[in-house]
Amino acid sequence: MVKIEFVTRAFRILDIRTAVDHLAVDELLVMEARFCGSGTPVIDVIRGLAVSTEFIPCLKVELLVRREHAVEAVEAIRAVASDDRTVSDSITVSAIAMLSDPNDAPARDMRESFSRHSAA
């Protein structure tokens, strides 16, 4: 399994979800956050007014996909989420071991290691 983490603007979340819908997304976690970028205020348009904000409201998104779909998921997210109002350009991809997945080789090694330690 692979965990993909990124920060995006709230109005992009439905587009992102639609873009990764065809992939085997096991979990999708969305958290509200405030982004403090370079420390300088950002001019944003809220309800037609230009407003200077230091902390930009955004969403931190984490999704779990199978390893074979990781590159495709990152490309889909980049295609939908990047524009001139992007909060952060970074997308973090982490390999994780799902102990409940019998087909995941690293997880199988971990389970065997845990069972050896608990038996001792």
C-alpha atoms as a PDB file:
ATOM      1  CA  MET A   1       0.000   0.000   0.000  1.00  0.00           C
ATOM      2  CA  VAL A   2       1.030   3.578  -0.577  1.00  0.00           C
ATOM      3  CA  LYS A   3      -0.103   6.645   1.375  1.00  0.00           C
ATOM      4  CA  ILE A   4      -0.318   9.870  -0.621  1.00  0.00           C
ATOM      5  CA  GLU A   5      -0.509  13.148   1.318  1.00  0.00           C
ATOM      6  CA  PHE A   6      -1.021  16.656  -0.009  1.00  0.00           C
ATOM      7  CA  VAL A   7      -2.564  20.015   0.822  1.00  0.00           C
ATOM      8  CA  THR A   8      -5.184  21.584  -1.410  1.00  0.00           C
ATOM      9  CA  ARG A   9      -7.828  24.277  -1.444  1.00  0.00           C
ATOM     10  CA  ALA A  10     -11.280  23.244  -0.246  1.00  0.00           C
ATOM     11  CA  PHE A  11     -12.998  23.936  -3.568  1.00  0.00           C
ATOM     12  CA  ARG A  12     -10.765  21.333  -5.300  1.00  0.00           C
ATOM     13  CA  ILE A  13     -11.692  18.295  -3.189  1.00  0.00           C
ATOM     14  CA  LEU A  14     -14.629  17.100  -5.310  1.00  0.00           C
ATOM     15  CA  ASP A  15     -12.544  17.344  -8.496  1.00  0.00           C
ATOM     16  CA  ILE A  16      -9.753  15.369  -6.841  1.00  0.00           C
ATOM     17  CA  ARG A  17     -12.140  12.720  -5.584  1.00  0.00           C
ATOM     18  CA  THR A  18     -13.617  12.350  -9.076  1.00  0.00           C
ATOM     19  CA  ALA A  19     -10.113  12.088 -10.580  1.00  0.00           C
ATOM     20  CA  VAL A  20      -9.073   9.207  -8.303  1.00  0.00           C
ATOM     21  CA  ASP A  21     -12.470   7.482  -8.189  1.00  0.00           C
ATOM     22  CA  HIS A  22     -11.544   4.928 -10.871  1.00  0.00           C
ATOM     23  CA  LEU A  23      -8.452   3.867  -8.894  1.00  0.00           C
ATOM     24  CA  ALA A  24      -8.558   1.378  -6.048  1.00  0.00           C
ATOM     25  CA  VAL A  25      -8.589   3.980  -3.256  1.00  0.00           C
ATOM     26  CA  ASP A  26      -8.854   2.103   0.033  1.00  0.00           C
ATOM     27  CA  GLU A  27      -9.188   5.145   2.293  1.00  0.00           C
ATOM     28  CA  LEU A  28      -9.618   8.868   1.784  1.00  0.00           C
ATOM     29  CA  LEU A  29      -9.095  11.119   4.803  1.00  0.00           C
ATOM     30  CA  VAL A  30      -9.701  14.862   4.589  1.00  0.00           C
ATOM     31  CA  MET A  31      -8.747  17.249   7.409  1.00  0.00           C
ATOM     32  CA  GLU A  32      -9.328  20.982   7.665  1.00  0.00           C
ATOM     33  CA  ALA A  33      -6.112  22.941   8.137  1.00  0.00           C
ATOM     34  CA  ARG A  34      -4.594  26.408   7.914  1.00  0.00           C
ATOM     35  CA  PHE A  35      -1.562  26.849   5.678  1.00  0.00           C
ATOM     36  CA  CYS A  36       1.102  29.365   6.664  1.00  0.00           C
ATOM     37  CA  GLY A  37       3.415  29.537   3.677  1.00  0.00           C
ATOM     38  CA  SER A  38       6.285  31.991   3.442  1.00  0.00           C
ATOM     39  CA  GLY A  39       5.067  34.191   6.287  1.00  0.00           C
ATOM     40  CA  THR A  40       3.966  36.982   3.981  1.00  0.00           C
ATOM     41  CA  PRO A  41       0.225  37.632   3.673  1.00  0.00           C
ATOM     42  CA  VAL A  42      -1.516  36.234   0.611  1.00  0.00           C
ATOM     43  CA  ILE A  43      -4.131  38.264  -1.248  1.00  0.00           C
ATOM     44  CA  ASP A  44      -7.196  36.083  -1.760  1.00  0.00           C
ATOM     45  CA  VAL A  45     -10.630  36.849  -3.152  1.00  0.00           C
ATOM     46  CA  ILE A  46     -13.439  35.955  -0.758  1.00  0.00           C
ATOM     47  CA  ARG A  47     -16.989  36.723  -1.865  1.00  0.00           C
ATOM     48  CA  GLY A  48     -15.705  39.233  -4.379  1.00  0.00           C
ATOM     49  CA  LEU A  49     -13.458  41.163  -1.973  1.00  0.00           C
ATOM     50  CA  ALA A  50      -9.669  41.139  -1.947  1.00  0.00           C
ATOM     51  CA  VAL A  51      -8.597  40.004   1.519  1.00  0.00           C
ATOM     52  CA  SER A  52      -5.091  39.669   2.925  1.00  0.00           C
ATOM     53  CA  THR A  53      -4.720  36.380   4.793  1.00  0.00           C
ATOM     54  CA  GLU A  54      -1.702  35.010   6.651  1.00  0.00           C
ATOM     55  CA  PHE A  55      -3.252  31.604   7.300  1.00  0.00           C
ATOM     56  CA  ILE A  56      -4.916  30.148   4.239  1.00  0.00           C
ATOM     57  CA  PRO A  57      -7.837  27.776   4.867  1.00  0.00           C
ATOM     58  CA  CYS A  58      -7.130  24.493   3.128  1.00  0.00           C
ATOM     59  CA  LEU A  59      -7.535  20.735   3.360  1.00  0.00           C
ATOM     60  CA  LYS A  60      -4.908  18.125   4.102  1.00  0.00           C
ATOM     61  CA  VAL A  61      -5.761  14.982   2.178  1.00  0.00           C
ATOM     62  CA  GLU A  62      -4.428  11.483   2.802  1.00  0.00           C
ATOM     63  CA  LEU A  63      -5.353   8.556   0.615  1.00  0.00           C
ATOM     64  CA  LEU A  64      -4.316   4.937   0.546  1.00  0.00           C
ATOM     65  CA  VAL A  65      -3.929   3.224  -2.803  1.00  0.00           C
ATOM     66  CA  ARG A  66      -2.338   0.014  -3.972  1.00  0.00           C
ATOM     67  CA  ARG A  67       1.280   0.282  -5.104  1.00  0.00           C
ATOM     68  CA  GLU A  68       0.447  -0.350  -8.751  1.00  0.00           C
ATOM     69  CA  HIS A  69      -1.902   2.682  -8.805  1.00  0.00           C
ATOM     70  CA  ALA A  70       0.409   5.141  -7.000  1.00  0.00           C
ATOM     71  CA  VAL A  71       1.916   6.875 -10.038  1.00  0.00           C
ATOM     72  CA  GLU A  72      -1.457   7.143 -11.736  1.00  0.00           C
ATOM     73  CA  ALA A  73      -2.994   8.630  -8.556  1.00  0.00           C
ATOM     74  CA  VAL A  74      -0.258  11.260  -8.208  1.00  0.00           C
ATOM     75  CA  GLU A  75      -0.610  12.249 -11.863  1.00  0.00           C
ATOM     76  CA  ALA A  76      -4.402  12.552 -11.506  1.00  0.00           C
ATOM     77  CA  ILE A  77      -4.022  14.700  -8.378  1.00  0.00           C
ATOM     78  CA  ARG A  78      -1.444  16.956 -10.037  1.00  0.00           C
ATOM     79  CA  ALA A  79      -3.622  17.408 -13.123  1.00  0.00           C
ATOM     80  CA  VAL A  80      -6.625  18.499 -11.065  1.00  0.00           C
ATOM     81  CA  ALA A  81      -5.094  20.286  -8.071  1.00  0.00           C
ATOM     82  CA  SER A  82      -2.415  22.479  -9.627  1.00  0.00           C
ATOM     83  CA  ASP A  83      -3.261  25.977 -10.776  1.00  0.00           C
ATOM     84  CA  ASP A  84      -2.366  29.563  -9.824  1.00  0.00           C
ATOM     85  CA  ARG A  85      -4.203  29.207  -6.472  1.00  0.00           C
ATOM     86  CA  THR A  86      -2.309  26.109  -5.326  1.00  0.00           C
ATOM     87  CA  VAL A  87      -1.533  26.141  -1.628  1.00  0.00           C
ATOM     88  CA  SER A  88       1.444  23.784  -1.690  1.00  0.00           C
ATOM     89  CA  ASP A  89       3.170  22.110  -4.615  1.00  0.00           C
ATOM     90  CA  SER A  90       4.361  19.092  -2.657  1.00  0.00           C
ATOM     91  CA  ILE A  91       2.776  15.658  -2.755  1.00  0.00           C
ATOM     92  CA  THR A  92       4.249  13.150  -0.310  1.00  0.00           C
ATOM     93  CA  VAL A  93       4.178   9.460  -1.208  1.00  0.00           C
ATOM     94  CA  SER A  94       5.003   6.917   1.505  1.00  0.00           C
ATOM     95  CA  ALA A  95       5.152   3.149   1.257  1.00  0.00           C
ATOM     96  CA  ILE A  96       3.330   1.576   4.179  1.00  0.00           C
ATOM     97  CA  ALA A  97       2.835  -1.986   5.261  1.00  0.00           C
ATOM     98  CA  MET A  98      -0.747  -3.074   5.878  1.00  0.00           C
ATOM     99  CA  LEU A  99      -0.586  -5.833   8.446  1.00  0.00           C
ATOM    100  CA  SER A 100      -4.069  -6.977   7.475  1.00  0.00           C
ATOM    101  CA  ASP A 101      -3.171  -7.474   3.783  1.00  0.00           C
ATOM    102  CA  PRO A 102      -2.000 -11.095   3.245  1.00  0.00           C
ATOM    103  CA  ASN A 103      -0.545 -10.258  -0.204  1.00  0.00           C
ATOM    104  CA  ASP A 104       1.724  -7.447   1.035  1.00  0.00           C
ATOM    105  CA  ALA A 105       5.246  -8.949   1.318  1.00  0.00           C
ATOM    106  CA  PRO A 106       6.714  -6.303   3.704  1.00  0.00           C
ATOM    107  CA  ALA A 107       3.650  -6.657   5.902  1.00  0.00           C
ATOM    108  CA  ARG A 108       4.006 -10.444   5.859  1.00  0.00           C
ATOM    109  CA  ASP A 109       7.629 -10.092   7.029  1.00  0.00           C
ATOM    110  CA  MET A 110       6.509  -7.725   9.801  1.00  0.00           C
ATOM    111  CA  ARG A 111       3.763 -10.117  10.933  1.00  0.00           C
ATOM    112  CA  GLU A 112       6.276 -12.960  11.109  1.00  0.00           C
ATOM    113  CA  SER A 113       8.695 -10.769  13.056  1.00  0.00           C
ATOM    114  CA  PHE A 114       5.958  -9.720  15.501  1.00  0.00           C
ATOM    115  CA  SER A 115       4.828 -13.289  15.998  1.00  0.00           C
ATOM    116  CA  ARG A 116       8.421 -14.414  16.722  1.00  0.00           C
ATOM    117  CA  HIS A 117       8.897 -11.629  19.293  1.00  0.00           C
ATOM    118  CA  SER A 118       5.556 -12.214  20.998  1.00  0.00           C
ATOM    119  CA  ALA A 119       6.190 -15.972  21.215  1.00  0.00           C
ATOM    120  CA  ALA A 120       9.530 -15.432  22.949  1.00  0.00           C
END
